[in-house]
All heavy atoms as atom14 arrays in JSON, in Angstrom:
{
  "sequence": "LVTHWAGVILDGGSQANLDYQAMGLSGGQNDILRAVADAARAEERAH",
  "atom14_mask": [
    [1, 1, 1, 1, 1, 1, 1, 1, 0, 0, 0, 0, 0, 0],
    [1, 1, 1, 1, 1, 1, 1, 0, 0, 0, 0, 0, 0, 0],
    [1, 1, 1, 1, 1, 1, 1, 0, 0, 0, 0, 0, 0, 0],
    [1, 1, 1, 1, 1, 1, 1, 1, 1, 1, 0, 0, 0, 0],
    [1, 1, 1, 1, 1, 1, 1, 1, 1, 1, 1, 1, 1, 1],
    [1, 1, 1, 1, 1, 0, 0, 0, 0, 0, 0, 0, 0, 0],
    [1, 1, 1, 1, 0, 0, 0, 0, 0, 0, 0, 0, 0, 0],
    [1, 1, 1, 1, 1, 1, 1, 0, 0, 0, 0, 0, 0, 0],
    [1, 1, 1, 1, 1, 1, 1, 1, 0, 0, 0, 0, 0, 0],
    [1, 1, 1, 1, 1, 1, 1, 1, 0, 0, 0, 0, 0, 0],
    [1, 1, 1, 1, 1, 1, 1, 1, 0, 0, 0, 0, 0, 0],
    [1, 1, 1, 1, 0, 0, 0, 0, 0, 0, 0, 0, 0, 0],
    [1, 1, 1, 1, 0, 0, 0, 0, 0, 0, 0, 0, 0, 0],
    [1, 1, 1, 1, 1, 1, 0, 0, 0, 0, 0, 0, 0, 0],
    [1, 1, 1, 1, 1, 1, 1, 1, 1, 0, 0, 0, 0, 0],
    [1, 1, 1, 1, 1, 0, 0, 0, 0, 0, 0, 0, 0, 0],
    [1, 1, 1, 1, 1, 1, 1, 1, 0, 0, 0, 0, 0, 0],
    [1, 1, 1, 1, 1, 1, 1, 1, 0, 0, 0, 0, 0, 0],
    [1, 1, 1, 1, 1, 1, 1, 1, 0, 0, 0, 0, 0, 0],
    [1, 1, 1, 1, 1, 1, 1, 1, 1, 1, 1, 1, 0, 0],
    [1, 1, 1, 1, 1, 1, 1, 1, 1, 0, 0, 0, 0, 0],
    [1, 1, 1, 1, 1, 0, 0, 0, 0, 0, 0, 0, 0, 0],
    [1, 1, 1, 1, 1, 1, 1, 1, 0, 0, 0, 0, 0, 0],
    [1, 1, 1, 1, 0, 0, 0, 0, 0, 0, 0, 0, 0, 0],
    [1, 1, 1, 1, 1, 1, 1, 1, 0, 0, 0, 0, 0, 0],
    [1, 1, 1, 1, 1, 1, 0, 0, 0, 0, 0, 0, 0, 0],
    [1, 1, 1, 1, 0, 0, 0, 0, 0, 0, 0, 0, 0, 0],
    [1, 1, 1, 1, 0, 0, 0, 0, 0, 0, 0, 0, 0, 0],
    [1, 1, 1, 1, 1, 1, 1, 1, 1, 0, 0, 0, 0, 0],
    [1, 1, 1, 1, 1, 1, 1, 1, 0, 0, 0, 0, 0, 0],
    [1, 1, 1, 1, 1, 1, 1, 1, 0, 0, 0, 0, 0, 0],
    [1, 1, 1, 1, 1, 1, 1, 1, 0, 0, 0, 0, 0, 0],
    [1, 1, 1, 1, 1, 1, 1, 1, 0, 0, 0, 0, 0, 0],
    [1, 1, 1, 1, 1, 1, 1, 1, 1, 1, 1, 0, 0, 0],
    [1, 1, 1, 1, 1, 0, 0, 0, 0, 0, 0, 0, 0, 0],
    [1, 1, 1, 1, 1, 1, 1, 0, 0, 0, 0, 0, 0, 0],
    [1, 1, 1, 1, 1, 0, 0, 0, 0, 0, 0, 0, 0, 0],
    [1, 1, 1, 1, 1, 1, 1, 1, 0, 0, 0, 0, 0, 0],
    [1, 1, 1, 1, 1, 0, 0, 0, 0, 0, 0, 0, 0, 0],
    [1, 1, 1, 1, 1, 0, 0, 0, 0, 0, 0, 0, 0, 0],
    [1, 1, 1, 1, 1, 1, 1, 1, 1, 1, 1, 0, 0, 0],
    [1, 1, 1, 1, 1, 0, 0, 0, 0, 0, 0, 0, 0, 0],
    [1, 1, 1, 1, 1, 1, 1, 1, 1, 0, 0, 0, 0, 0],
    [1, 1, 1, 1, 1, 1, 1, 1, 1, 0, 0, 0, 0, 0],
    [1, 1, 1, 1, 1, 1, 1, 1, 1, 1, 1, 0, 0, 0],
    [1, 1, 1, 1, 1, 0, 0, 0, 0, 0, 0, 0, 0, 0],
    [1, 1, 1, 1, 1, 1, 1, 1, 1, 1, 0, 0, 0, 0]
  ],
  "atom14_positions": [
    [[0.83, -1.22, 0.0], [0.0, 0.0, 0.0], [0.86, 1.26, 0.0], [0.61, 2.2, -0.76], [-0.94, 0.0, 1.21], [-2.09, -0.99, 1.16], [-2.77, -1.09, 2.52], [-3.08, -0.61, 0.09], [0.0, 0.0, 0.0], [0.0, 0.0, 0.0], [0.0, 0.0, 0.0], [0.0, 0.0, 0.0], [0.0, 0.0, 0.0], [0.0, 0.0, 0.0]],
    [[1.88, 1.29, 0.85], [2.76, 2.46, 0.93], [3.49, 2.66, -0.39], [3.58, 3.79, -0.89], [3.75, 2.33, 2.11], [4.83, 3.39, 2.04], [3.0, 2.43, 3.43], [0.0, 0.0, 0.0], [0.0, 0.0, 0.0], [0.0, 0.0, 0.0], [0.0, 0.0, 0.0], [0.0, 0.0, 0.0], [0.0, 0.0, 0.0], [0.0, 0.0, 0.0]],
    [[3.97, 1.59, -1.0], [4.67, 1.69, -2.28], [3.74, 2.25, -3.35], [4.11, 3.15, -4.11], [5.21, 0.31, -2.71], [6.14, -0.14, -1.73], [5.89, 0.38, -4.06], [0.0, 0.0, 0.0], [0.0, 0.0, 0.0], [0.0, 0.0, 0.0], [0.0, 0.0, 0.0], [0.0, 0.0, 0.0], [0.0, 0.0, 0.0], [0.0, 0.0, 0.0]],
    [[2.52, 1.74, -3.41], [1.56, 2.23, -4.41], [1.27, 3.72, -4.23], [1.37, 4.5, -5.18], [0.25, 1.44, -4.31], [-0.86, 2.05, -5.12], [-0.92, 1.93, -6.48], [-1.9, 2.83, -4.76], [-1.97, 2.59, -6.93], [-2.59, 3.15, -5.9], [0.0, 0.0, 0.0], [0.0, 0.0, 0.0], [0.0, 0.0, 0.0], [0.0, 0.0, 0.0]],
    [[0.89, 4.1, -3.0], [0.5, 5.48, -2.78], [1.67, 6.45, -2.86], [1.49, 7.61, -3.28], [-0.26, 5.62, -1.46], [-1.63, 5.02, -1.58], [-2.08, 3.89, -0.97], [-2.7, 5.48, -2.4], [-3.37, 3.64, -1.35], [-3.78, 4.6, -2.23], [-2.87, 6.56, -3.27], [-5.0, 4.75, -2.88], [-4.09, 6.73, -3.92], [-5.13, 5.83, -3.74]],
    [[2.87, 6.02, -2.52], [4.04, 6.89, -2.69], [4.27, 7.17, -4.17], [4.6, 8.3, -4.56], [5.28, 6.25, -2.06], [0.0, 0.0, 0.0], [0.0, 0.0, 0.0], [0.0, 0.0, 0.0], [0.0, 0.0, 0.0], [0.0, 0.0, 0.0], [0.0, 0.0, 0.0], [0.0, 0.0, 0.0], [0.0, 0.0, 0.0], [0.0, 0.0, 0.0]],
    [[4.07, 6.16, -5.02], [4.18, 6.38, -6.46], [3.13, 7.35, -6.97], [3.42, 8.22, -7.8], [0.0, 0.0, 0.0], [0.0, 0.0, 0.0], [0.0, 0.0, 0.0], [0.0, 0.0, 0.0], [0.0, 0.0, 0.0], [0.0, 0.0, 0.0], [0.0, 0.0, 0.0], [0.0, 0.0, 0.0], [0.0, 0.0, 0.0], [0.0, 0.0, 0.0]],
    [[1.92, 7.23, -6.46], [0.84, 8.15, -6.85], [1.2, 9.58, -6.43], [1.01, 10.53, -7.18], [-0.51, 7.71, -6.24], [-1.57, 8.79, -6.4], [-0.97, 6.4, -6.85], [0.0, 0.0, 0.0], [0.0, 0.0, 0.0], [0.0, 0.0, 0.0], [0.0, 0.0, 0.0], [0.0, 0.0, 0.0], [0.0, 0.0, 0.0], [0.0, 0.0, 0.0]],
    [[1.73, 9.71, -5.22], [2.11, 11.04, -4.73], [3.22, 11.63, -5.59], [3.17, 12.81, -5.95], [2.52, 10.97, -3.24], [1.27, 10.72, -2.39], [3.24, 12.23, -2.79], [1.57, 10.4, -0.95], [0.0, 0.0, 0.0], [0.0, 0.0, 0.0], [0.0, 0.0, 0.0], [0.0, 0.0, 0.0], [0.0, 0.0, 0.0], [0.0, 0.0, 0.0]],
    [[4.21, 10.83, -5.93], [5.3, 11.35, -6.78], [4.79, 11.75, -8.16], [5.28, 12.71, -8.74], [6.41, 10.32, -6.94], [7.4, 10.2, -5.8], [8.52, 9.24, -6.19], [7.99, 11.52, -5.4], [0.0, 0.0, 0.0], [0.0, 0.0, 0.0], [0.0, 0.0, 0.0], [0.0, 0.0, 0.0], [0.0, 0.0, 0.0], [0.0, 0.0, 0.0]],
    [[3.84, 10.99, -8.69], [3.27, 11.32, -9.99], [2.47, 12.62, -9.94], [2.3, 13.28, -10.96], [2.38, 10.19, -10.5], [3.17, 8.96, -10.9], [4.39, 9.08, -11.14], [2.56, 7.87, -10.97], [0.0, 0.0, 0.0], [0.0, 0.0, 0.0], [0.0, 0.0, 0.0], [0.0, 0.0, 0.0], [0.0, 0.0, 0.0], [0.0, 0.0, 0.0]],
    [[1.97, 12.96, -8.76], [1.22, 14.21, -8.59], [-0.17, 14.17, -9.19], [-0.74, 15.2, -9.52], [0.0, 0.0, 0.0], [0.0, 0.0, 0.0], [0.0, 0.0, 0.0], [0.0, 0.0, 0.0], [0.0, 0.0, 0.0], [0.0, 0.0, 0.0], [0.0, 0.0, 0.0], [0.0, 0.0, 0.0], [0.0, 0.0, 0.0], [0.0, 0.0, 0.0]],
    [[-0.76, 12.99, -9.33], [-2.1, 12.86, -9.89], [-3.16, 13.43, -8.97], [-2.88, 13.87, -7.85], [0.0, 0.0, 0.0], [0.0, 0.0, 0.0], [0.0, 0.0, 0.0], [0.0, 0.0, 0.0], [0.0, 0.0, 0.0], [0.0, 0.0, 0.0], [0.0, 0.0, 0.0], [0.0, 0.0, 0.0], [0.0, 0.0, 0.0], [0.0, 0.0, 0.0]],
    [[-4.39, 13.38, -9.44], [-5.5, 13.94, -8.67], [-5.72, 13.2, -7.36], [-6.26, 13.76, -6.41], [-6.79, 13.92, -9.49], [-7.14, 12.58, -9.81], [0.0, 0.0, 0.0], [0.0, 0.0, 0.0], [0.0, 0.0, 0.0], [0.0, 0.0, 0.0], [0.0, 0.0, 0.0], [0.0, 0.0, 0.0], [0.0, 0.0, 0.0], [0.0, 0.0, 0.0]],
    [[-5.3, 11.93, -7.28], [-5.49, 11.16, -6.05], [-4.37, 11.4, -5.04], [-4.41, 10.88, -3.94], [-5.58, 9.68, -6.38], [-6.8, 9.33, -7.19], [-6.87, 7.85, -7.48], [-5.9, 7.13, -7.34], [-8.03, 7.4, -7.89], [0.0, 0.0, 0.0], [0.0, 0.0, 0.0], [0.0, 0.0, 0.0], [0.0, 0.0, 0.0], [0.0, 0.0, 0.0]],
    [[-3.38, 12.19, -5.4], [-2.23, 12.41, -4.51], [-2.6, 13.2, -3.26], [-1.88, 13.13, -2.26], [-1.11, 13.14, -5.26], [0.0, 0.0, 0.0], [0.0, 0.0, 0.0], [0.0, 0.0, 0.0], [0.0, 0.0, 0.0], [0.0, 0.0, 0.0], [0.0, 0.0, 0.0], [0.0, 0.0, 0.0], [0.0, 0.0, 0.0], [0.0, 0.0, 0.0]],
    [[-3.71, 13.92, -3.27], [-4.1, 14.75, -2.13], [-5.22, 14.15, -1.31], [-5.88, 14.85, -0.55], [-4.52, 16.14, -2.63], [-3.37, 16.87, -3.27], [-2.24, 16.77, -2.8], [-3.63, 17.55, -4.36], [0.0, 0.0, 0.0], [0.0, 0.0, 0.0], [0.0, 0.0, 0.0], [0.0, 0.0, 0.0], [0.0, 0.0, 0.0], [0.0, 0.0, 0.0]],
    [[-5.44, 12.85, -1.44], [-6.52, 12.21, -0.71], [-6.19, 12.05, 0.77], [-5.03, 12.0, 1.15], [-6.8, 10.83, -1.29], [-7.39, 10.8, -2.69], [-7.51, 9.37, -3.17], [-8.74, 11.48, -2.72], [0.0, 0.0, 0.0], [0.0, 0.0, 0.0], [0.0, 0.0, 0.0], [0.0, 0.0, 0.0], [0.0, 0.0, 0.0], [0.0, 0.0, 0.0]],
    [[-7.22, 11.94, 1.55], [-7.09, 11.64, 2.96], [-6.56, 10.22, 3.1], [-6.88, 9.34, 2.31], [-8.48, 11.76, 3.59], [-8.49, 11.42, 5.05], [-7.99, 12.21, 5.86], [-8.99, 10.32, 5.38], [0.0, 0.0, 0.0], [0.0, 0.0, 0.0], [0.0, 0.0, 0.0], [0.0, 0.0, 0.0], [0.0, 0.0, 0.0], [0.0, 0.0, 0.0]],
    [[-5.75, 9.97, 4.12], [-5.14, 8.65, 4.29], [-6.17, 7.55, 4.44], [-5.96, 6.42, 4.0], [-4.14, 8.64, 5.45], [-4.75, 8.72, 6.83], [-5.01, 7.56, 7.54], [-5.03, 9.94, 7.42], [-5.55, 7.61, 8.81], [-5.56, 10.0, 8.69], [-5.83, 8.84, 9.38], [-6.36, 8.91, 10.63], [0.0, 0.0, 0.0], [0.0, 0.0, 0.0]],
    [[-7.3, 7.83, 5.04], [-8.34, 6.81, 5.19], [-8.97, 6.46, 3.85], [-9.33, 5.32, 3.61], [-9.38, 7.24, 6.2], [-8.82, 7.26, 7.61], [-9.79, 7.8, 8.63], [-10.64, 8.63, 8.31], [-9.68, 7.34, 9.86], [0.0, 0.0, 0.0], [0.0, 0.0, 0.0], [0.0, 0.0, 0.0], [0.0, 0.0, 0.0], [0.0, 0.0, 0.0]],
    [[-9.06, 7.44, 2.95], [-9.56, 7.16, 1.61], [-8.58, 6.3, 0.83], [-8.96, 5.61, -0.1], [-9.82, 8.47, 0.86], [0.0, 0.0, 0.0], [0.0, 0.0, 0.0], [0.0, 0.0, 0.0], [0.0, 0.0, 0.0], [0.0, 0.0, 0.0], [0.0, 0.0, 0.0], [0.0, 0.0, 0.0], [0.0, 0.0, 0.0], [0.0, 0.0, 0.0]],
    [[-7.32, 6.33, 1.23], [-6.3, 5.49, 0.6], [-6.3, 4.08, 1.19], [-5.58, 3.21, 0.71], [-4.91, 6.09, 0.8], [-4.68, 7.39, 0.11], [-3.02, 7.98, 0.5], [-3.02, 9.55, -0.31], [0.0, 0.0, 0.0], [0.0, 0.0, 0.0], [0.0, 0.0, 0.0], [0.0, 0.0, 0.0], [0.0, 0.0, 0.0], [0.0, 0.0, 0.0]],
    [[-7.05, 3.86, 2.27], [-7.09, 2.56, 2.92], [-5.95, 2.35, 3.89], [-5.59, 1.21, 4.19], [0.0, 0.0, 0.0], [0.0, 0.0, 0.0], [0.0, 0.0, 0.0], [0.0, 0.0, 0.0], [0.0, 0.0, 0.0], [0.0, 0.0, 0.0], [0.0, 0.0, 0.0], [0.0, 0.0, 0.0], [0.0, 0.0, 0.0], [0.0, 0.0, 0.0]],
    [[-5.38, 3.44, 4.4], [-4.24, 3.36, 5.31], [-4.65, 3.66, 6.74], [-5.59, 4.41, 6.98], [-3.17, 4.38, 4.9], [-2.59, 4.28, 3.5], [-1.66, 5.45, 3.22], [-1.87, 2.96, 3.31], [0.0, 0.0, 0.0], [0.0, 0.0, 0.0], [0.0, 0.0, 0.0], [0.0, 0.0, 0.0], [0.0, 0.0, 0.0], [0.0, 0.0, 0.0]],
    [[-3.91, 3.09, 7.68], [-4.08, 3.45, 9.08], [-3.25, 4.71, 9.34], [-2.46, 5.14, 8.49], [-3.6, 2.32, 9.98], [-2.19, 2.18, 9.88], [0.0, 0.0, 0.0], [0.0, 0.0, 0.0], [0.0, 0.0, 0.0], [0.0, 0.0, 0.0], [0.0, 0.0, 0.0], [0.0, 0.0, 0.0], [0.0, 0.0, 0.0], [0.0, 0.0, 0.0]],
    [[-3.38, 5.26, 10.53], [-2.59, 6.44, 10.88], [-1.1, 6.15, 10.86], [-0.3, 6.94, 10.38], [0.0, 0.0, 0.0], [0.0, 0.0, 0.0], [0.0, 0.0, 0.0], [0.0, 0.0, 0.0], [0.0, 0.0, 0.0], [0.0, 0.0, 0.0], [0.0, 0.0, 0.0], [0.0, 0.0, 0.0], [0.0, 0.0, 0.0], [0.0, 0.0, 0.0]],
    [[-0.71, 5.0, 11.39], [0.7, 4.63, 11.4], [1.24, 4.39, 9.99], [2.37, 4.76, 9.68], [0.0, 0.0, 0.0], [0.0, 0.0, 0.0], [0.0, 0.0, 0.0], [0.0, 0.0, 0.0], [0.0, 0.0, 0.0], [0.0, 0.0, 0.0], [0.0, 0.0, 0.0], [0.0, 0.0, 0.0], [0.0, 0.0, 0.0], [0.0, 0.0, 0.0]],
    [[0.44, 3.75, 9.15], [0.85, 3.54, 7.76], [0.98, 4.88, 7.03], [1.86, 5.06, 6.2], [-0.14, 2.63, 7.04], [-0.11, 1.21, 7.54], [-1.28, 0.4, 7.05], [-2.33, 0.92, 6.66], [-1.14, -0.92, 7.1], [0.0, 0.0, 0.0], [0.0, 0.0, 0.0], [0.0, 0.0, 0.0], [0.0, 0.0, 0.0], [0.0, 0.0, 0.0]],
    [[0.1, 5.81, 7.36], [0.2, 7.14, 6.76], [1.48, 7.84, 7.18], [2.1, 8.53, 6.37], [-1.02, 7.98, 7.14], [-1.03, 9.32, 6.43], [-0.92, 9.38, 5.21], [-1.13, 10.4, 7.2], [0.0, 0.0, 0.0], [0.0, 0.0, 0.0], [0.0, 0.0, 0.0], [0.0, 0.0, 0.0], [0.0, 0.0, 0.0], [0.0, 0.0, 0.0]],
    [[1.89, 7.68, 8.43], [3.17, 8.25, 8.88], [4.33, 7.69, 8.06], [5.23, 8.41, 7.65], [3.4, 7.98, 10.36], [2.4, 8.7, 11.26], [1.78, 9.69, 10.8], [2.24, 8.26, 12.42], [0.0, 0.0, 0.0], [0.0, 0.0, 0.0], [0.0, 0.0, 0.0], [0.0, 0.0, 0.0], [0.0, 0.0, 0.0], [0.0, 0.0, 0.0]],
    [[4.28, 6.38, 7.82], [5.32, 5.75, 6.99], [5.26, 6.31, 5.57], [6.3, 6.65, 4.99], [5.15, 4.22, 6.98], [5.4, 3.64, 8.37], [6.06, 3.57, 5.93], [5.03, 2.18, 8.52], [0.0, 0.0, 0.0], [0.0, 0.0, 0.0], [0.0, 0.0, 0.0], [0.0, 0.0, 0.0], [0.0, 0.0, 0.0], [0.0, 0.0, 0.0]],
    [[4.06, 6.42, 5.02], [3.9, 6.95, 3.66], [4.48, 8.35, 3.55], [5.2, 8.66, 2.6], [2.43, 6.96, 3.26], [2.1, 7.66, 1.94], [2.78, 6.98, 0.76], [0.6, 7.74, 1.73], [0.0, 0.0, 0.0], [0.0, 0.0, 0.0], [0.0, 0.0, 0.0], [0.0, 0.0, 0.0], [0.0, 0.0, 0.0], [0.0, 0.0, 0.0]],
    [[4.18, 9.22, 4.5], [4.68, 10.6, 4.42], [6.2, 10.63, 4.48], [6.84, 11.37, 3.71], [4.08, 11.45, 5.54], [2.61, 11.73, 5.32], [2.06, 12.68, 6.33], [2.49, 12.27, 7.68], [2.0, 12.75, 8.79], [1.09, 13.66, 8.76], [2.43, 12.32, 9.95], [0.0, 0.0, 0.0], [0.0, 0.0, 0.0], [0.0, 0.0, 0.0]],
    [[6.8, 9.84, 5.36], [8.27, 9.81, 5.45], [8.89, 9.25, 4.17], [9.88, 9.8, 3.66], [8.69, 8.96, 6.65], [0.0, 0.0, 0.0], [0.0, 0.0, 0.0], [0.0, 0.0, 0.0], [0.0, 0.0, 0.0], [0.0, 0.0, 0.0], [0.0, 0.0, 0.0], [0.0, 0.0, 0.0], [0.0, 0.0, 0.0], [0.0, 0.0, 0.0]],
    [[8.31, 8.19, 3.64], [8.83, 7.58, 2.41], [8.67, 8.54, 1.23], [9.59, 8.71, 0.43], [8.14, 6.22, 2.14], [8.44, 5.71, 0.74], [8.55, 5.2, 3.19], [0.0, 0.0, 0.0], [0.0, 0.0, 0.0], [0.0, 0.0, 0.0], [0.0, 0.0, 0.0], [0.0, 0.0, 0.0], [0.0, 0.0, 0.0], [0.0, 0.0, 0.0]],
    [[7.52, 9.18, 1.12], [7.28, 10.1, 0.0], [8.23, 11.31, 0.07], [8.75, 11.75, -0.96], [5.83, 10.56, 0.0], [0.0, 0.0, 0.0], [0.0, 0.0, 0.0], [0.0, 0.0, 0.0], [0.0, 0.0, 0.0], [0.0, 0.0, 0.0], [0.0, 0.0, 0.0], [0.0, 0.0, 0.0], [0.0, 0.0, 0.0], [0.0, 0.0, 0.0]],
    [[8.46, 11.83, 1.27], [9.38, 12.96, 1.42], [10.8, 12.56, 0.98], [11.47, 13.31, 0.26], [9.41, 13.47, 2.86], [8.12, 14.19, 3.25], [7.34, 14.56, 2.35], [7.91, 14.36, 4.47], [0.0, 0.0, 0.0], [0.0, 0.0, 0.0], [0.0, 0.0, 0.0], [0.0, 0.0, 0.0], [0.0, 0.0, 0.0], [0.0, 0.0, 0.0]],
    [[11.25, 11.4, 1.43], [12.58, 10.93, 1.05], [12.65, 10.67, -0.46], [13.66, 10.96, -1.11], [12.94, 9.67, 1.82], [0.0, 0.0, 0.0], [0.0, 0.0, 0.0], [0.0, 0.0, 0.0], [0.0, 0.0, 0.0], [0.0, 0.0, 0.0], [0.0, 0.0, 0.0], [0.0, 0.0, 0.0], [0.0, 0.0, 0.0], [0.0, 0.0, 0.0]],
    [[11.57, 10.13, -1.03], [11.56, 9.83, -2.46], [11.59, 11.11, -3.3], [12.22, 11.14, -4.37], [10.33, 9.0, -2.8], [0.0, 0.0, 0.0], [0.0, 0.0, 0.0], [0.0, 0.0, 0.0], [0.0, 0.0, 0.0], [0.0, 0.0, 0.0], [0.0, 0.0, 0.0], [0.0, 0.0, 0.0], [0.0, 0.0, 0.0], [0.0, 0.0, 0.0]],
    [[10.9, 12.16, -2.84], [10.96, 13.43, -3.58], [12.39, 13.95, -3.65], [12.85, 14.39, -4.71], [10.07, 14.47, -2.91], [8.62, 14.33, -3.2], [7.84, 15.54, -2.66], [6.45, 15.22, -2.54], [5.82, 14.97, -1.41], [6.46, 15.02, -0.26], [4.54, 14.68, -1.4], [0.0, 0.0, 0.0], [0.0, 0.0, 0.0], [0.0, 0.0, 0.0]],
    [[13.08, 13.91, -2.52], [14.48, 14.37, -2.49], [15.36, 13.49, -3.38], [16.22, 13.99, -4.12], [15.01, 14.36, -1.06], [0.0, 0.0, 0.0], [0.0, 0.0, 0.0], [0.0, 0.0, 0.0], [0.0, 0.0, 0.0], [0.0, 0.0, 0.0], [0.0, 0.0, 0.0], [0.0, 0.0, 0.0], [0.0, 0.0, 0.0], [0.0, 0.0, 0.0]],
    [[15.13, 12.19, -3.33], [15.91, 11.26, -4.16], [15.63, 11.48, -5.65], [16.54, 11.42, -6.48], [15.57, 9.81, -3.77], [16.39, 8.77, -4.47], [17.83, 8.71, -4.0], [18.17, 9.32, -2.97], [18.63, 8.04, -4.68], [0.0, 0.0, 0.0], [0.0, 0.0, 0.0], [0.0, 0.0, 0.0], [0.0, 0.0, 0.0], [0.0, 0.0, 0.0]],
    [[14.38, 11.76, -5.98], [14.01, 12.01, -7.38], [14.7, 13.27, -7.9], [15.21, 13.29, -9.02], [12.5, 12.14, -7.52], [12.05, 12.3, -8.96], [10.55, 12.37, -9.1], [9.87, 12.88, -8.18], [10.05, 11.91, -10.14], [0.0, 0.0, 0.0], [0.0, 0.0, 0.0], [0.0, 0.0, 0.0], [0.0, 0.0, 0.0], [0.0, 0.0, 0.0]],
    [[14.74, 14.31, -7.07], [15.43, 15.54, -7.5], [16.92, 15.31, -7.69], [17.53, 15.84, -8.62], [15.21, 16.65, -6.46], [13.84, 17.29, -6.52], [13.77, 18.54, -5.65], [14.01, 18.27, -4.24], [13.08, 17.95, -3.34], [11.83, 17.84, -3.73], [13.4, 17.74, -2.09], [0.0, 0.0, 0.0], [0.0, 0.0, 0.0], [0.0, 0.0, 0.0]],
    [[17.52, 14.51, -6.83], [18.96, 14.28, -6.87], [19.39, 13.25, -7.91], [20.4, 13.44, -8.59], [19.46, 13.85, -5.49], [0.0, 0.0, 0.0], [0.0, 0.0, 0.0], [0.0, 0.0, 0.0], [0.0, 0.0, 0.0], [0.0, 0.0, 0.0], [0.0, 0.0, 0.0], [0.0, 0.0, 0.0], [0.0, 0.0, 0.0], [0.0, 0.0, 0.0]],
    [[18.61, 12.17, -8.05], [19.08, 11.06, -8.87], [18.08, 10.52, -9.88], [18.38, 9.51, -10.53], [19.53, 9.91, -7.96], [20.61, 10.31, -7.01], [21.9, 10.55, -7.41], [20.58, 10.54, -5.68], [22.63, 10.89, -6.35], [21.84, 10.91, -5.29], [0.0, 0.0, 0.0], [0.0, 0.0, 0.0], [0.0, 0.0, 0.0], [0.0, 0.0, 0.0]]
  ]
}
């Protein structure tokens, strides 16, 4: 789930701004998603 939604967030599609519950995530999974997506954005800019 985190891998899927992190890809959606990086793509910047219309679903990238959904509430975590609409994504089917728990609060803890959402925390993981936000950390992974932030790191992935930096990695995408660099590499």
